[in-house]
Amino acid sequence: MNRYMPITGHDCNVSYLLIDTQAPIDILHEAAAYRIRAVTQLLESFSVADAPRHEPVLLQELTLVCSIVLRDGCDLMDVAGRRLQEQLST
C-alpha cells in the first residue's frame, strides 16, 4: 500500500486530498467515525424535522455534501481495515 492514498470522492486528475496510510489505526478510525457520525446526525435531524418541504436544489446539495463526507469516512475505514488485516497476517 502506498504511503499516501487519494480520497475517492474527489473528481480531479491531480490528487491533493490524501490519506496517510501509515497514520496510527486509532487516528484513522477516529477520523472515519467523526465523519460518519456527522452525516448520521444531519440525516437524523432531517428525518424528524417538522420543517416545510425543502427545495429540490437544497436537498440535492445536502445529499452531495453527505455523500462526500461519507465517502471520506469509508476511505478512512478501508485504510484502517487494510492495516488491521496486515497486522493479523504477520
N, C-alpha and C. Protein backbone atom coordinates (compact mmCIF):
# COMPACT_ATOMS: atom_id res chain seq x y z
N MET A 1 0.86 -1.18 0.00
CA MET A 1 0.00 0.00 0.00
C MET A 1 0.90 1.23 0.00
N ASN A 2 0.58 2.18 -0.88
CA ASN A 2 1.34 3.42 -0.94
C ASN A 2 1.15 4.22 0.34
N ARG A 3 2.13 5.04 0.66
CA ARG A 3 2.08 5.84 1.89
C ARG A 3 0.88 6.78 1.89
N TYR A 4 0.63 7.44 0.78
CA TYR A 4 -0.48 8.38 0.70
C TYR A 4 -1.48 7.92 -0.35
N MET A 5 -2.74 7.81 0.05
CA MET A 5 -3.80 7.35 -0.83
C MET A 5 -4.76 8.51 -1.08
N PRO A 6 -5.04 8.82 -2.34
CA PRO A 6 -6.01 9.89 -2.60
C PRO A 6 -7.42 9.46 -2.19
N ILE A 7 -8.19 10.41 -1.70
CA ILE A 7 -9.58 10.08 -1.38
C ILE A 7 -10.32 9.84 -2.69
N THR A 8 -11.32 9.00 -2.65
CA THR A 8 -12.01 8.63 -3.88
C THR A 8 -13.15 9.58 -4.23
N GLY A 9 -13.54 10.42 -3.33
CA GLY A 9 -14.69 11.28 -3.56
C GLY A 9 -14.41 12.54 -4.34
N HIS A 10 -13.19 12.73 -4.79
CA HIS A 10 -12.84 13.96 -5.48
C HIS A 10 -12.55 13.65 -6.94
N ASP A 11 -13.26 14.30 -7.82
CA ASP A 11 -13.16 14.07 -9.26
C ASP A 11 -12.15 15.04 -9.87
N CYS A 12 -10.88 14.67 -9.85
CA CYS A 12 -9.84 15.57 -10.35
C CYS A 12 -8.65 14.73 -10.80
N ASN A 13 -7.92 15.22 -11.79
CA ASN A 13 -6.75 14.49 -12.29
C ASN A 13 -5.57 14.58 -11.35
N VAL A 14 -5.52 15.63 -10.55
CA VAL A 14 -4.42 15.83 -9.62
C VAL A 14 -4.92 15.53 -8.21
N SER A 15 -4.31 14.54 -7.57
CA SER A 15 -4.72 14.17 -6.21
C SER A 15 -4.07 15.13 -5.22
N TYR A 16 -4.90 15.85 -4.48
CA TYR A 16 -4.36 16.76 -3.47
C TYR A 16 -4.99 16.55 -2.11
N LEU A 17 -6.00 15.72 -2.02
CA LEU A 17 -6.56 15.33 -0.73
C LEU A 17 -6.17 13.88 -0.50
N LEU A 18 -5.28 13.66 0.46
CA LEU A 18 -4.68 12.35 0.65
C LEU A 18 -4.87 11.82 2.07
N ILE A 19 -4.89 10.51 2.19
CA ILE A 19 -4.92 9.83 3.48
C ILE A 19 -3.54 9.25 3.72
N ASP A 20 -2.98 9.51 4.87
CA ASP A 20 -1.70 8.92 5.25
C ASP A 20 -1.98 7.49 5.71
N THR A 21 -1.65 6.51 4.87
CA THR A 21 -1.96 5.12 5.18
C THR A 21 -1.12 4.56 6.32
N GLN A 22 -0.10 5.30 6.72
CA GLN A 22 0.73 4.86 7.84
C GLN A 22 0.39 5.56 9.15
N ALA A 23 -0.66 6.36 9.13
CA ALA A 23 -1.11 7.01 10.37
C ALA A 23 -1.55 5.93 11.35
N PRO A 24 -1.50 6.20 12.64
CA PRO A 24 -1.95 5.21 13.62
C PRO A 24 -3.40 4.80 13.35
N ILE A 25 -3.69 3.53 13.51
CA ILE A 25 -5.02 3.00 13.21
C ILE A 25 -6.10 3.70 14.03
N ASP A 26 -5.82 4.01 15.29
CA ASP A 26 -6.84 4.67 16.09
C ASP A 26 -7.17 6.06 15.56
N ILE A 27 -6.19 6.74 14.98
CA ILE A 27 -6.43 8.06 14.39
C ILE A 27 -7.27 7.93 13.13
N LEU A 28 -6.95 6.93 12.29
CA LEU A 28 -7.74 6.68 11.08
C LEU A 28 -9.19 6.37 11.45
N HIS A 29 -9.36 5.51 12.45
CA HIS A 29 -10.70 5.12 12.88
C HIS A 29 -11.45 6.32 13.44
N GLU A 30 -10.79 7.12 14.26
CA GLU A 30 -11.43 8.30 14.86
C GLU A 30 -11.87 9.29 13.78
N ALA A 31 -11.02 9.51 12.78
CA ALA A 31 -11.37 10.43 11.69
C ALA A 31 -12.57 9.90 10.90
N ALA A 32 -12.59 8.60 10.64
CA ALA A 32 -13.70 8.00 9.91
C ALA A 32 -14.99 8.08 10.73
N ALA A 33 -14.91 7.72 11.98
CA ALA A 33 -16.09 7.72 12.85
C ALA A 33 -16.66 9.13 12.98
N TYR A 34 -15.81 10.12 13.07
CA TYR A 34 -16.26 11.52 13.18
C TYR A 34 -17.10 11.91 11.96
N ARG A 35 -16.60 11.57 10.78
CA ARG A 35 -17.31 11.92 9.55
C ARG A 35 -18.64 11.17 9.44
N ILE A 36 -18.62 9.90 9.76
CA ILE A 36 -19.84 9.09 9.67
C ILE A 36 -20.88 9.56 10.68
N ARG A 37 -20.45 9.87 11.91
CA ARG A 37 -21.38 10.39 12.92
C ARG A 37 -21.98 11.73 12.50
N ALA A 38 -21.15 12.60 11.91
CA ALA A 38 -21.65 13.92 11.49
C ALA A 38 -22.75 13.78 10.46
N VAL A 39 -22.55 12.92 9.47
CA VAL A 39 -23.57 12.72 8.45
C VAL A 39 -24.81 12.05 9.05
N THR A 40 -24.60 11.09 9.94
CA THR A 40 -25.72 10.42 10.58
C THR A 40 -26.58 11.41 11.35
N GLN A 41 -25.94 12.30 12.11
CA GLN A 41 -26.70 13.29 12.87
C GLN A 41 -27.46 14.24 11.95
N LEU A 42 -26.84 14.64 10.85
CA LEU A 42 -27.52 15.52 9.90
C LEU A 42 -28.73 14.82 9.29
N LEU A 43 -28.55 13.59 8.85
CA LEU A 43 -29.67 12.85 8.25
C LEU A 43 -30.77 12.58 9.26
N GLU A 44 -30.41 12.28 10.51
CA GLU A 44 -31.42 12.08 11.54
C GLU A 44 -32.21 13.35 11.80
N SER A 45 -31.54 14.49 11.77
CA SER A 45 -32.26 15.74 12.00
C SER A 45 -33.24 16.01 10.87
N PHE A 46 -32.91 15.64 9.66
CA PHE A 46 -33.86 15.80 8.55
C PHE A 46 -35.03 14.85 8.67
N SER A 47 -34.79 13.67 9.19
CA SER A 47 -35.85 12.68 9.26
C SER A 47 -36.92 13.03 10.30
N VAL A 48 -36.57 13.80 11.32
CA VAL A 48 -37.53 14.16 12.36
C VAL A 48 -37.99 15.61 12.26
N ALA A 49 -37.45 16.33 11.30
CA ALA A 49 -37.78 17.76 11.18
C ALA A 49 -39.23 17.95 10.76
N ASP A 50 -39.87 18.92 11.38
CA ASP A 50 -41.24 19.27 11.02
C ASP A 50 -41.26 20.48 10.08
N ALA A 51 -40.10 20.74 9.48
CA ALA A 51 -39.99 21.91 8.60
C ALA A 51 -40.81 21.71 7.34
N PRO A 52 -41.19 22.80 6.72
CA PRO A 52 -41.91 22.67 5.44
C PRO A 52 -41.03 22.00 4.39
N ARG A 53 -41.65 21.62 3.30
CA ARG A 53 -40.93 20.94 2.23
C ARG A 53 -39.70 21.76 1.82
N HIS A 54 -38.60 21.03 1.64
CA HIS A 54 -37.36 21.68 1.23
C HIS A 54 -37.31 21.78 -0.29
N GLU A 55 -36.63 22.77 -0.77
CA GLU A 55 -36.44 22.94 -2.21
C GLU A 55 -35.61 21.78 -2.75
N PRO A 56 -35.95 21.26 -3.93
CA PRO A 56 -35.18 20.14 -4.51
C PRO A 56 -33.70 20.46 -4.68
N VAL A 57 -33.37 21.70 -5.04
CA VAL A 57 -31.96 22.07 -5.22
C VAL A 57 -31.22 21.99 -3.89
N LEU A 58 -31.86 22.45 -2.82
CA LEU A 58 -31.24 22.39 -1.50
C LEU A 58 -31.01 20.94 -1.09
N LEU A 59 -32.00 20.09 -1.29
CA LEU A 59 -31.86 18.69 -0.95
C LEU A 59 -30.75 18.03 -1.77
N GLN A 60 -30.64 18.39 -3.03
CA GLN A 60 -29.58 17.84 -3.88
C GLN A 60 -28.21 18.26 -3.35
N GLU A 61 -28.06 19.50 -2.95
CA GLU A 61 -26.79 19.98 -2.41
C GLU A 61 -26.46 19.29 -1.09
N LEU A 62 -27.46 19.12 -0.24
CA LEU A 62 -27.24 18.46 1.04
C LEU A 62 -26.85 16.99 0.85
N THR A 63 -27.50 16.31 -0.08
CA THR A 63 -27.14 14.91 -0.32
C THR A 63 -25.74 14.79 -0.90
N LEU A 64 -25.33 15.76 -1.71
CA LEU A 64 -23.97 15.76 -2.23
C LEU A 64 -22.96 15.89 -1.09
N VAL A 65 -23.21 16.82 -0.18
CA VAL A 65 -22.32 17.01 0.96
C VAL A 65 -22.26 15.72 1.79
N CYS A 66 -23.41 15.12 2.05
CA CYS A 66 -23.44 13.88 2.83
C CYS A 66 -22.64 12.78 2.13
N SER A 67 -22.79 12.66 0.83
CA SER A 67 -22.08 11.59 0.12
C SER A 67 -20.58 11.82 0.13
N ILE A 68 -20.14 13.06 0.02
CA ILE A 68 -18.70 13.35 0.05
C ILE A 68 -18.12 12.98 1.41
N VAL A 69 -18.78 13.40 2.47
CA VAL A 69 -18.27 13.13 3.82
C VAL A 69 -18.32 11.63 4.13
N LEU A 70 -19.39 10.96 3.72
CA LEU A 70 -19.47 9.50 3.92
C LEU A 70 -18.39 8.77 3.14
N ARG A 71 -18.13 9.20 1.92
CA ARG A 71 -17.09 8.57 1.12
C ARG A 71 -15.72 8.74 1.78
N ASP A 72 -15.45 9.92 2.32
CA ASP A 72 -14.20 10.13 3.06
C ASP A 72 -14.10 9.15 4.23
N GLY A 73 -15.20 9.03 4.99
CA GLY A 73 -15.22 8.11 6.12
C GLY A 73 -14.99 6.67 5.68
N CYS A 74 -15.61 6.27 4.58
CA CYS A 74 -15.41 4.91 4.07
C CYS A 74 -13.98 4.69 3.61
N ASP A 75 -13.37 5.69 2.98
CA ASP A 75 -11.97 5.57 2.57
C ASP A 75 -11.07 5.38 3.79
N LEU A 76 -11.33 6.16 4.83
CA LEU A 76 -10.54 6.03 6.07
C LEU A 76 -10.73 4.66 6.71
N MET A 77 -11.97 4.18 6.74
CA MET A 77 -12.22 2.85 7.30
C MET A 77 -11.56 1.77 6.46
N ASP A 78 -11.52 1.94 5.14
CA ASP A 78 -10.85 0.99 4.26
C ASP A 78 -9.37 0.90 4.59
N VAL A 79 -8.72 2.04 4.77
CA VAL A 79 -7.29 2.04 5.11
C VAL A 79 -7.07 1.38 6.47
N ALA A 80 -7.90 1.73 7.45
CA ALA A 80 -7.77 1.12 8.78
C ALA A 80 -7.98 -0.39 8.70
N GLY A 81 -8.96 -0.83 7.93
CA GLY A 81 -9.21 -2.26 7.77
C GLY A 81 -8.05 -2.98 7.13
N ARG A 82 -7.46 -2.38 6.10
CA ARG A 82 -6.28 -2.99 5.46
C ARG A 82 -5.13 -3.11 6.44
N ARG A 83 -4.93 -2.04 7.22
CA ARG A 83 -3.84 -2.06 8.21
C ARG A 83 -4.07 -3.16 9.23
N LEU A 84 -5.32 -3.32 9.70
CA LEU A 84 -5.61 -4.37 10.66
C LEU A 84 -5.40 -5.76 10.05
N GLN A 85 -5.79 -5.94 8.78
CA GLN A 85 -5.55 -7.22 8.10
C GLN A 85 -4.07 -7.51 7.99
N GLU A 86 -3.27 -6.49 7.68
CA GLU A 86 -1.82 -6.66 7.61
C GLU A 86 -1.26 -7.11 8.96
N GLN A 87 -1.75 -6.52 10.04
CA GLN A 87 -1.28 -6.88 11.37
C GLN A 87 -1.66 -8.32 11.71
N LEU A 88 -2.87 -8.73 11.30
CA LEU A 88 -3.31 -10.08 11.61
C LEU A 88 -2.56 -11.15 10.80
N SER A 89 -2.12 -10.77 9.60
CA SER A 89 -1.45 -11.76 8.75
C SER A 89 0.04 -11.88 9.05
N THR A 90 0.58 -11.01 9.92
CA THR A 90 2.01 -11.12 10.25
C THR A 90 2.23 -11.85 11.55
